[in-house]
Structures are given as C-alpha cells and as structure tokens.
Amino acid sequence: LIDKAGMVRTRWLAGQNPLLAAAMVTTGDDYDRFLRSYLSYELLPQRFADEMERDYLSRPFASSVANGSSSSLIGVLGHYSMANYFECLNVSDHGAVLPTHFTSACLEAGIHMDAGLFGWYPLIDRA
C-alpha cells in the first residue's frame, strides 16, 4: 500500500510485519497522498473501502467496547470503523467537544475522520 500510494518517505517500525493500527512513520505529504488515493479508490477497490467504512461497534459486529480507553475515545469521537472513526462530534455553543452518543444521523451521514495526525483533521465524506 505504501508504494501504491506513492508514499516515498514512509516506513513501518515493525519491518515486514506491520501493525495496522500503529507503527507507521510518515510525513504530512505522504499522508496526504494516502488519503487522496484512498478517497479516489485508487488505493483499494470501492468494495474494500466500503467494508472498511462500516460501523463495527454496532450489532451484529459488537455489543460492547472491549476496554475503558476505547470507551472514552468513542464517547467523544463516535463509532469506529476499520482504521477510522465516524465523524460524530457534539460541540457546545462555546466550541467545547462534549461526550456524545452515536446516532442514526451519524451513521447515515457516513463521514469518516482520522483525529489530528500532523495537526490535520481530515474527513472522508463520500456524499
């Protein structure tokens, strides 16, 4: 995937056996290349991206969250797909992010995000 996305300054800390949720060292430019190729279905066929963007924290996939650290992130960011969160922020009138409950409106909007890598807040909005 790194070569296919043109990520020339990216490497895995784990060598030949990368961890999918961690252990990648990259640059902002390479991350931009990755997101653009993912969004345009150049990196993966649409059927794979659709699977990755499913809500895996709802039935029939899951009935509860495994540990407390994930629960706090999900309470703020929304449900998790494969390698990205659903965008579902509950922001107060003063701009503070409040704990939220995942709603059908969040699911139907289908907007995904990756919280803050390189100071970015990239959104994947297929609408």
Foldseek 3Di string as FASTA:
>chain_A
DLVQLVQPAKDFQVHPDHDQQDRIDGDPVSVVSVVVCVLVCSVHHPVVSVQQLAQQCDPPNHDDDDDDVVVVVCQQQNTHGNNWHQGDFDADPVGDTGGDYHDVVSVVQSKIWDPQDVHDTDIRGPD
